[in-house]
Amino acid sequence: MDQPIVELKNEHQYKFTYKDEFGQMGSKVIEVNKKDCELAIAKFEKENPKIVWRSITKVDQPIVEKFNEDELSIISHTLGVNLELAIRSKKKKDKKLPKEFYRNYFCMCRVESLERLHQNGEKDYLFFEKLLANELAHKWERLGNVYYSISDKGIEKFKSEFNEIIYQ
């Protein structure tokens, strides 16, 4: 049975990703006794009055035990790794991850309508929201675009699964 990374209790949990008045990003899980995001927002804002920007995600679904190939491909792209080459190549150098990733972002371009989201990346959006809920990614906005990056915890999970799929 899959074990959730975030242990759920009787309370309902909402994860807030935020930027403080000094431009620092952070995240915090708020627990409330009813399934009511407005109650969670009020509690978060009372505890953190100087937050400049925030997003909220309901923490109610555990992450899958392992990423599937499509999900590994999305994370590889985010980190600047050519997963397809690593799988196909016979060369050892192509199968080795760098010590430090040269990029760590995934841009979801501005989406004006839900119809366009469904055409261009709903699957990516849902996957990154699941990563956010399990603290495996970070999210921020700039110039109307939404960006995601993989957290240190997410990178460690990716590294172990990358090596499993490459050396199987």
N, C-alpha and C. Protein backbone atom coordinates (compact mmCIF):
# COMPACT_ATOMS: atom_id res chain seq x y z
N MET A 1 0.84 -1.19 0.00
CA MET A 1 0.00 0.00 0.00
C MET A 1 0.88 1.24 0.00
N ASP A 2 0.53 2.25 -0.78
CA ASP A 2 1.29 3.49 -0.84
C ASP A 2 1.15 4.25 0.46
N GLN A 3 2.26 4.75 0.97
CA GLN A 3 2.25 5.55 2.19
C GLN A 3 2.35 7.02 1.82
N PRO A 4 1.47 7.87 2.37
CA PRO A 4 1.58 9.30 2.06
C PRO A 4 2.82 9.90 2.70
N ILE A 5 3.39 10.89 2.03
CA ILE A 5 4.53 11.60 2.59
C ILE A 5 4.06 12.51 3.71
N VAL A 6 2.91 13.14 3.52
CA VAL A 6 2.33 13.99 4.56
C VAL A 6 1.28 13.15 5.27
N GLU A 7 1.49 12.91 6.57
CA GLU A 7 0.57 12.08 7.32
C GLU A 7 -0.70 12.88 7.61
N LEU A 8 -1.84 12.36 7.16
CA LEU A 8 -3.10 13.06 7.37
C LEU A 8 -3.70 12.67 8.72
N LYS A 9 -4.25 13.63 9.43
CA LYS A 9 -4.88 13.40 10.72
C LYS A 9 -6.38 13.63 10.53
N ASN A 10 -7.12 13.74 11.63
CA ASN A 10 -8.56 14.01 11.54
C ASN A 10 -8.82 15.40 10.99
N GLU A 11 -7.87 16.30 11.19
CA GLU A 11 -8.02 17.65 10.67
C GLU A 11 -7.83 17.65 9.15
N HIS A 12 -8.29 18.71 8.53
CA HIS A 12 -8.07 18.91 7.10
C HIS A 12 -6.85 19.81 6.97
N GLN A 13 -5.97 19.46 6.04
CA GLN A 13 -4.72 20.19 5.90
C GLN A 13 -4.70 20.96 4.59
N TYR A 14 -4.19 22.19 4.67
CA TYR A 14 -4.02 23.05 3.50
C TYR A 14 -2.59 23.54 3.51
N LYS A 15 -1.93 23.41 2.38
CA LYS A 15 -0.54 23.85 2.27
C LYS A 15 -0.50 25.22 1.61
N PHE A 16 0.15 26.16 2.27
CA PHE A 16 0.32 27.51 1.75
C PHE A 16 1.75 27.68 1.28
N THR A 17 1.92 28.16 0.07
CA THR A 17 3.21 28.59 -0.43
C THR A 17 3.11 30.11 -0.47
N TYR A 18 4.14 30.79 0.02
CA TYR A 18 4.00 32.24 0.16
C TYR A 18 5.33 32.96 -0.07
N LYS A 19 5.20 34.28 -0.24
CA LYS A 19 6.36 35.17 -0.31
C LYS A 19 6.17 36.22 0.78
N ASP A 20 7.21 36.40 1.61
CA ASP A 20 7.08 37.37 2.69
C ASP A 20 7.47 38.77 2.21
N GLU A 21 7.41 39.73 3.12
CA GLU A 21 7.69 41.12 2.77
C GLU A 21 9.12 41.38 2.31
N PHE A 22 10.02 40.42 2.59
CA PHE A 22 11.42 40.55 2.18
C PHE A 22 11.72 39.79 0.89
N GLY A 23 10.69 39.20 0.28
CA GLY A 23 10.85 38.47 -0.97
C GLY A 23 11.25 37.02 -0.79
N GLN A 24 11.28 36.52 0.45
CA GLN A 24 11.65 35.14 0.71
C GLN A 24 10.43 34.22 0.52
N MET A 25 10.65 33.09 -0.16
CA MET A 25 9.59 32.12 -0.37
C MET A 25 9.57 31.13 0.79
N GLY A 26 8.40 30.60 1.08
CA GLY A 26 8.27 29.60 2.13
C GLY A 26 7.00 28.81 1.94
N SER A 27 6.82 27.80 2.78
CA SER A 27 5.58 27.03 2.75
C SER A 27 5.24 26.61 4.17
N LYS A 28 3.95 26.40 4.39
CA LYS A 28 3.46 26.06 5.71
C LYS A 28 2.16 25.29 5.57
N VAL A 29 1.98 24.26 6.38
CA VAL A 29 0.73 23.49 6.38
C VAL A 29 -0.12 23.97 7.54
N ILE A 30 -1.38 24.29 7.23
CA ILE A 30 -2.35 24.75 8.23
C ILE A 30 -3.41 23.66 8.38
N GLU A 31 -3.73 23.32 9.64
CA GLU A 31 -4.76 22.32 9.90
C GLU A 31 -6.00 23.01 10.46
N VAL A 32 -7.16 22.61 9.93
CA VAL A 32 -8.44 23.12 10.44
C VAL A 32 -9.35 21.92 10.65
N ASN A 33 -10.37 22.08 11.50
CA ASN A 33 -11.22 20.94 11.84
C ASN A 33 -12.38 20.71 10.88
N LYS A 34 -12.54 21.59 9.89
CA LYS A 34 -13.58 21.40 8.87
C LYS A 34 -12.94 21.52 7.50
N LYS A 35 -13.57 20.91 6.51
CA LYS A 35 -13.10 21.03 5.14
C LYS A 35 -13.58 22.37 4.60
N ASP A 36 -12.84 23.42 4.94
CA ASP A 36 -13.23 24.77 4.60
C ASP A 36 -11.97 25.59 4.34
N CYS A 37 -11.68 25.85 3.08
CA CYS A 37 -10.45 26.57 2.75
C CYS A 37 -10.49 28.01 3.25
N GLU A 38 -11.67 28.62 3.33
CA GLU A 38 -11.77 29.99 3.84
C GLU A 38 -11.32 30.05 5.31
N LEU A 39 -11.66 29.03 6.06
CA LEU A 39 -11.24 28.95 7.46
C LEU A 39 -9.71 28.81 7.53
N ALA A 40 -9.14 28.00 6.66
CA ALA A 40 -7.68 27.83 6.61
C ALA A 40 -7.00 29.13 6.20
N ILE A 41 -7.56 29.83 5.22
CA ILE A 41 -6.99 31.11 4.77
C ILE A 41 -7.01 32.12 5.91
N ALA A 42 -8.13 32.21 6.62
CA ALA A 42 -8.24 33.15 7.75
C ALA A 42 -7.20 32.83 8.83
N LYS A 43 -7.04 31.55 9.13
CA LYS A 43 -6.06 31.14 10.14
C LYS A 43 -4.64 31.48 9.69
N PHE A 44 -4.32 31.20 8.41
CA PHE A 44 -2.99 31.50 7.87
C PHE A 44 -2.71 33.00 7.92
N GLU A 45 -3.68 33.80 7.47
CA GLU A 45 -3.48 35.25 7.43
C GLU A 45 -3.38 35.86 8.83
N LYS A 46 -4.07 35.27 9.81
CA LYS A 46 -3.95 35.74 11.18
C LYS A 46 -2.55 35.46 11.73
N GLU A 47 -2.02 34.27 11.42
CA GLU A 47 -0.68 33.89 11.90
C GLU A 47 0.44 34.58 11.12
N ASN A 48 0.16 35.01 9.88
CA ASN A 48 1.18 35.58 8.99
C ASN A 48 0.66 36.86 8.35
N PRO A 49 0.55 37.94 9.11
CA PRO A 49 -0.08 39.16 8.58
C PRO A 49 0.73 39.90 7.52
N LYS A 50 2.03 39.65 7.40
CA LYS A 50 2.87 40.43 6.48
C LYS A 50 3.24 39.66 5.22
N ILE A 51 2.40 38.74 4.80
CA ILE A 51 2.64 37.96 3.58
C ILE A 51 2.21 38.79 2.38
N VAL A 52 3.07 38.85 1.36
CA VAL A 52 2.80 39.63 0.16
C VAL A 52 1.99 38.82 -0.85
N TRP A 53 2.30 37.54 -0.98
CA TRP A 53 1.66 36.68 -1.97
C TRP A 53 1.54 35.28 -1.40
N ARG A 54 0.47 34.56 -1.75
CA ARG A 54 0.30 33.19 -1.28
C ARG A 54 -0.50 32.38 -2.28
N SER A 55 -0.30 31.06 -2.23
CA SER A 55 -1.16 30.13 -2.95
C SER A 55 -1.53 29.03 -1.96
N ILE A 56 -2.63 28.37 -2.22
CA ILE A 56 -3.12 27.34 -1.29
C ILE A 56 -3.41 26.06 -2.06
N THR A 57 -3.07 24.93 -1.44
CA THR A 57 -3.34 23.61 -2.02
C THR A 57 -3.90 22.73 -0.92
N LYS A 58 -4.97 22.01 -1.22
CA LYS A 58 -5.53 21.06 -0.26
C LYS A 58 -4.64 19.85 -0.23
N VAL A 59 -4.19 19.46 0.97
CA VAL A 59 -3.34 18.29 1.12
C VAL A 59 -4.25 17.11 1.44
N ASP A 60 -4.65 16.40 0.42
CA ASP A 60 -5.56 15.28 0.65
C ASP A 60 -5.23 14.05 -0.17
N GLN A 61 -4.19 14.13 -0.97
CA GLN A 61 -3.86 12.95 -1.76
C GLN A 61 -2.38 12.63 -1.59
N PRO A 62 -2.07 11.40 -1.20
CA PRO A 62 -0.68 11.02 -1.06
C PRO A 62 -0.02 10.90 -2.43
N ILE A 63 1.26 11.12 -2.46
CA ILE A 63 1.99 10.97 -3.72
C ILE A 63 2.16 9.49 -4.02
N VAL A 64 2.22 9.15 -5.28
CA VAL A 64 2.44 7.76 -5.66
C VAL A 64 3.80 7.32 -5.15
N GLU A 65 3.93 6.04 -4.87
CA GLU A 65 5.19 5.50 -4.36
C GLU A 65 6.33 5.79 -5.33
N LYS A 66 6.08 5.60 -6.62
CA LYS A 66 7.09 5.85 -7.65
C LYS A 66 6.50 6.73 -8.73
N PHE A 67 7.36 7.55 -9.36
CA PHE A 67 6.92 8.33 -10.50
C PHE A 67 6.78 7.40 -11.70
N ASN A 68 5.79 7.68 -12.57
CA ASN A 68 5.72 6.93 -13.82
C ASN A 68 6.67 7.58 -14.82
N GLU A 69 6.82 6.99 -16.00
CA GLU A 69 7.79 7.48 -16.97
C GLU A 69 7.49 8.91 -17.43
N ASP A 70 6.21 9.24 -17.62
CA ASP A 70 5.84 10.60 -18.02
C ASP A 70 6.23 11.61 -16.94
N GLU A 71 5.99 11.26 -15.68
CA GLU A 71 6.33 12.16 -14.57
C GLU A 71 7.84 12.33 -14.45
N LEU A 72 8.59 11.24 -14.61
CA LEU A 72 10.05 11.34 -14.61
C LEU A 72 10.54 12.24 -15.74
N SER A 73 9.86 12.14 -16.88
CA SER A 73 10.23 12.96 -18.03
C SER A 73 10.00 14.45 -17.73
N ILE A 74 8.90 14.79 -17.07
CA ILE A 74 8.60 16.18 -16.71
C ILE A 74 9.64 16.71 -15.73
N ILE A 75 9.99 15.91 -14.73
CA ILE A 75 10.99 16.34 -13.75
C ILE A 75 12.35 16.47 -14.43
N SER A 76 12.69 15.53 -15.31
CA SER A 76 13.96 15.60 -16.04
C SER A 76 14.04 16.91 -16.83
N HIS A 77 12.97 17.23 -17.53
CA HIS A 77 12.93 18.48 -18.30
C HIS A 77 13.13 19.68 -17.38
N THR A 78 12.44 19.67 -16.23
CA THR A 78 12.55 20.76 -15.27
C THR A 78 13.99 20.96 -14.80
N LEU A 79 14.71 19.85 -14.63
CA LEU A 79 16.09 19.91 -14.13
C LEU A 79 17.13 19.99 -15.25
N GLY A 80 16.68 19.96 -16.50
CA GLY A 80 17.62 20.06 -17.61
C GLY A 80 18.34 18.76 -17.92
N VAL A 81 17.70 17.63 -17.64
CA VAL A 81 18.30 16.32 -17.88
C VAL A 81 17.62 15.67 -19.07
N ASN A 82 18.41 15.08 -19.98
CA ASN A 82 17.86 14.41 -21.15
C ASN A 82 17.61 12.94 -20.79
N LEU A 83 16.42 12.64 -20.29
CA LEU A 83 16.07 11.30 -19.84
C LEU A 83 16.08 10.30 -20.99
N GLU A 84 15.55 10.70 -22.13
CA GLU A 84 15.50 9.78 -23.29
C GLU A 84 16.90 9.35 -23.70
N LEU A 85 17.84 10.28 -23.75
CA LEU A 85 19.23 9.95 -24.09
C LEU A 85 19.82 9.00 -23.06
N ALA A 86 19.57 9.28 -21.78
CA ALA A 86 20.11 8.43 -20.72
C ALA A 86 19.58 7.00 -20.82
N ILE A 87 18.33 6.84 -21.22
CA ILE A 87 17.74 5.50 -21.35
C ILE A 87 18.31 4.76 -22.55
N ARG A 88 18.44 5.47 -23.69
CA ARG A 88 18.86 4.82 -24.94
C ARG A 88 20.37 4.60 -25.07
N SER A 89 21.14 5.50 -24.50
CA SER A 89 22.58 5.49 -24.71
C SER A 89 23.28 4.30 -24.06
N LYS A 90 24.36 3.88 -24.68
CA LYS A 90 25.20 2.81 -24.13
C LYS A 90 26.38 3.41 -23.35
N LYS A 91 26.57 4.74 -23.49
CA LYS A 91 27.71 5.41 -22.86
C LYS A 91 27.41 5.71 -21.39
N LYS A 92 28.39 5.44 -20.53
CA LYS A 92 28.24 5.68 -19.10
C LYS A 92 28.02 7.15 -18.78
N LYS A 93 28.71 8.03 -19.53
CA LYS A 93 28.61 9.47 -19.25
C LYS A 93 27.20 10.00 -19.48
N ASP A 94 26.44 9.38 -20.39
CA ASP A 94 25.06 9.81 -20.66
C ASP A 94 24.09 9.33 -19.59
N LYS A 95 24.52 8.35 -18.80
CA LYS A 95 23.63 7.77 -17.79
C LYS A 95 23.89 8.33 -16.39
N LYS A 96 24.80 9.30 -16.31
CA LYS A 96 25.18 9.87 -15.03
C LYS A 96 24.54 11.25 -14.84
N LEU A 97 23.96 11.48 -13.67
CA LEU A 97 23.38 12.78 -13.35
C LEU A 97 24.48 13.75 -12.94
N PRO A 98 24.31 15.04 -13.24
CA PRO A 98 25.31 16.02 -12.79
C PRO A 98 25.22 16.21 -11.27
N LYS A 99 26.31 16.71 -10.69
CA LYS A 99 26.30 17.00 -9.24
C LYS A 99 25.33 18.13 -8.94
N GLU A 100 25.26 19.09 -9.87
CA GLU A 100 24.36 20.23 -9.71
C GLU A 100 23.62 20.43 -11.03
N PHE A 101 22.33 20.66 -10.97
CA PHE A 101 21.53 20.83 -12.18
C PHE A 101 21.64 22.26 -12.67
N TYR A 102 21.84 22.42 -13.98
CA TYR A 102 22.06 23.76 -14.52
C TYR A 102 20.78 24.57 -14.60
N ARG A 103 19.64 23.93 -14.51
CA ARG A 103 18.37 24.66 -14.46
C ARG A 103 17.46 23.92 -13.50
N ASN A 104 16.50 24.61 -12.97
CA ASN A 104 15.50 23.97 -12.13
C ASN A 104 14.24 24.84 -12.18
N TYR A 105 13.59 24.81 -13.32
CA TYR A 105 12.31 25.51 -13.43
C TYR A 105 11.50 24.94 -14.58
N PHE A 106 10.20 25.05 -14.44
CA PHE A 106 9.25 24.63 -15.46
C PHE A 106 8.25 25.76 -15.58
N CYS A 107 8.11 26.35 -16.75
CA CYS A 107 7.22 27.49 -16.94
C CYS A 107 5.88 27.03 -17.51
N MET A 108 4.82 27.37 -16.81
CA MET A 108 3.47 27.20 -17.33
C MET A 108 3.07 28.59 -17.80
N CYS A 109 3.09 28.80 -19.11
CA CYS A 109 2.80 30.12 -19.66
C CYS A 109 1.42 30.58 -19.24
N ARG A 110 1.24 31.87 -19.29
CA ARG A 110 -0.01 32.49 -18.90
C ARG A 110 -1.19 31.77 -19.56
N VAL A 111 -2.17 31.43 -18.75
CA VAL A 111 -3.35 30.73 -19.26
C VAL A 111 -4.57 31.60 -19.00
N GLU A 112 -5.15 32.13 -20.09
CA GLU A 112 -6.30 33.03 -19.94
C GLU A 112 -7.61 32.27 -19.76
N SER A 113 -7.67 31.03 -20.24
CA SER A 113 -8.94 30.31 -20.14
C SER A 113 -8.70 28.86 -19.74
N LEU A 114 -9.71 28.27 -19.11
CA LEU A 114 -9.61 26.86 -18.74
C LEU A 114 -9.52 25.98 -19.97
N GLU A 115 -10.18 26.38 -21.07
CA GLU A 115 -10.13 25.60 -22.29
C GLU A 115 -8.69 25.48 -22.80
N ARG A 116 -7.95 26.59 -22.73
CA ARG A 116 -6.57 26.57 -23.18
C ARG A 116 -5.70 25.72 -22.25
N LEU A 117 -6.00 25.75 -20.94
CA LEU A 117 -5.26 24.91 -19.99
C LEU A 117 -5.45 23.44 -20.33
N HIS A 118 -6.69 23.05 -20.64
CA HIS A 118 -6.95 21.66 -20.98
C HIS A 118 -6.19 21.25 -22.24
N GLN A 119 -6.01 22.18 -23.17
CA GLN A 119 -5.30 21.87 -24.40
C GLN A 119 -3.79 21.85 -24.19
N ASN A 120 -3.28 22.67 -23.30
CA ASN A 120 -1.84 22.89 -23.17
C ASN A 120 -1.30 22.65 -21.77
N GLY A 121 -1.47 21.48 -21.24
CA GLY A 121 -0.74 21.21 -20.02
C GLY A 121 -1.51 20.96 -18.75
N GLU A 122 -2.77 20.56 -18.85
CA GLU A 122 -3.51 20.27 -17.63
C GLU A 122 -2.81 19.16 -16.86
N LYS A 123 -2.30 18.17 -17.57
CA LYS A 123 -1.62 17.04 -16.92
C LYS A 123 -0.38 17.53 -16.17
N ASP A 124 0.41 18.43 -16.79
CA ASP A 124 1.59 18.98 -16.13
C ASP A 124 1.19 19.77 -14.88
N TYR A 125 0.15 20.60 -15.01
CA TYR A 125 -0.33 21.42 -13.91
C TYR A 125 -0.74 20.53 -12.72
N LEU A 126 -1.54 19.51 -13.00
CA LEU A 126 -2.01 18.62 -11.93
C LEU A 126 -0.86 17.87 -11.27
N PHE A 127 0.13 17.45 -12.08
CA PHE A 127 1.29 16.76 -11.53
C PHE A 127 2.07 17.69 -10.60
N PHE A 128 2.33 18.92 -11.03
CA PHE A 128 3.08 19.84 -10.18
C PHE A 128 2.30 20.21 -8.92
N GLU A 129 0.99 20.31 -9.01
CA GLU A 129 0.20 20.59 -7.81
C GLU A 129 0.31 19.42 -6.82
N LYS A 130 0.36 18.20 -7.33
CA LYS A 130 0.55 17.03 -6.47
C LYS A 130 1.94 17.08 -5.82
N LEU A 131 2.96 17.48 -6.59
CA LEU A 131 4.31 17.63 -6.02
C LEU A 131 4.31 18.70 -4.93
N LEU A 132 3.63 19.82 -5.19
CA LEU A 132 3.54 20.89 -4.19
C LEU A 132 2.91 20.40 -2.90
N ALA A 133 1.84 19.65 -3.03
CA ALA A 133 1.12 19.16 -1.85
C ALA A 133 1.99 18.25 -1.00
N ASN A 134 3.00 17.64 -1.61
CA ASN A 134 3.87 16.73 -0.90
C ASN A 134 5.27 17.31 -0.68
N GLU A 135 5.39 18.63 -0.84
CA GLU A 135 6.63 19.37 -0.61
C GLU A 135 7.79 18.88 -1.47
N LEU A 136 7.48 18.43 -2.68
CA LEU A 136 8.51 17.99 -3.62
C LEU A 136 8.79 19.05 -4.67
N ALA A 137 8.08 20.18 -4.60
CA ALA A 137 8.26 21.26 -5.57
C ALA A 137 7.92 22.60 -4.93
N HIS A 138 8.31 23.67 -5.61
CA HIS A 138 7.98 25.04 -5.22
C HIS A 138 7.28 25.71 -6.40
N LYS A 139 6.55 26.77 -6.13
CA LYS A 139 5.79 27.46 -7.17
C LYS A 139 5.92 28.96 -6.96
N TRP A 140 6.03 29.71 -8.05
CA TRP A 140 6.02 31.17 -7.98
C TRP A 140 5.49 31.74 -9.28
N GLU A 141 5.13 33.01 -9.26
CA GLU A 141 4.62 33.69 -10.45
C GLU A 141 5.54 34.84 -10.81
N ARG A 142 5.66 35.07 -12.12
CA ARG A 142 6.45 36.20 -12.60
C ARG A 142 5.90 36.60 -13.96
N LEU A 143 5.59 37.87 -14.11
CA LEU A 143 5.08 38.42 -15.37
C LEU A 143 3.87 37.63 -15.89
N GLY A 144 3.03 37.19 -14.99
CA GLY A 144 1.81 36.49 -15.38
C GLY A 144 1.99 35.01 -15.67
N ASN A 145 3.22 34.51 -15.63
CA ASN A 145 3.47 33.09 -15.84
C ASN A 145 3.66 32.40 -14.50
N VAL A 146 3.33 31.12 -14.46
CA VAL A 146 3.53 30.33 -13.25
C VAL A 146 4.75 29.45 -13.48
N TYR A 147 5.66 29.44 -12.51
CA TYR A 147 6.87 28.63 -12.58
C TYR A 147 6.88 27.62 -11.44
N TYR A 148 7.44 26.46 -11.72
CA TYR A 148 7.63 25.43 -10.72
C TYR A 148 9.10 25.05 -10.70
N SER A 149 9.59 24.69 -9.52
CA SER A 149 10.93 24.13 -9.40
C SER A 149 10.83 22.92 -8.48
N ILE A 150 11.79 22.03 -8.60
CA ILE A 150 11.80 20.81 -7.80
C ILE A 150 12.56 21.11 -6.50
N SER A 151 11.98 20.75 -5.36
CA SER A 151 12.62 20.98 -4.06
C SER A 151 13.76 19.98 -3.87
N ASP A 152 14.58 20.20 -2.85
CA ASP A 152 15.67 19.27 -2.54
C ASP A 152 15.13 17.87 -2.28
N LYS A 153 14.02 17.80 -1.58
CA LYS A 153 13.38 16.51 -1.30
C LYS A 153 12.94 15.83 -2.60
N GLY A 154 12.40 16.62 -3.52
CA GLY A 154 11.98 16.09 -4.82
C GLY A 154 13.16 15.65 -5.67
N ILE A 155 14.27 16.40 -5.59
CA ILE A 155 15.48 16.03 -6.35
C ILE A 155 16.03 14.70 -5.85
N GLU A 156 16.05 14.51 -4.54
CA GLU A 156 16.55 13.24 -3.99
C GLU A 156 15.68 12.06 -4.46
N LYS A 157 14.37 12.25 -4.45
CA LYS A 157 13.47 11.19 -4.92
C LYS A 157 13.69 10.94 -6.41
N PHE A 158 13.87 12.00 -7.20
CA PHE A 158 14.13 11.86 -8.63
C PHE A 158 15.44 11.10 -8.87
N LYS A 159 16.50 11.45 -8.14
CA LYS A 159 17.80 10.81 -8.34
C LYS A 159 17.71 9.30 -8.12
N SER A 160 17.03 8.88 -7.06
CA SER A 160 16.94 7.45 -6.78
C SER A 160 16.11 6.73 -7.86
N GLU A 161 15.04 7.35 -8.30
CA GLU A 161 14.22 6.71 -9.34
C GLU A 161 14.89 6.77 -10.70
N PHE A 162 15.65 7.81 -10.98
CA PHE A 162 16.41 7.92 -12.24
C PHE A 162 17.39 6.74 -12.32
N ASN A 163 18.15 6.52 -11.24
CA ASN A 163 19.11 5.42 -11.26
C ASN A 163 18.45 4.06 -11.40
N GLU A 164 17.27 3.89 -10.81
CA GLU A 164 16.54 2.62 -10.96
C GLU A 164 16.15 2.37 -12.41
N ILE A 165 15.62 3.41 -13.07
CA ILE A 165 15.14 3.22 -14.44
C ILE A 165 16.32 3.10 -15.44
N ILE A 166 17.42 3.77 -15.17
CA ILE A 166 18.57 3.74 -16.08
C ILE A 166 19.33 2.43 -15.97
N TYR A 167 19.48 1.91 -14.78
CA TYR A 167 20.30 0.71 -14.57
C TYR A 167 19.48 -0.55 -14.32
N GLN A 168 18.25 -0.57 -14.80
CA GLN A 168 17.44 -1.78 -14.62
C GLN A 168 17.75 -2.85 -15.64
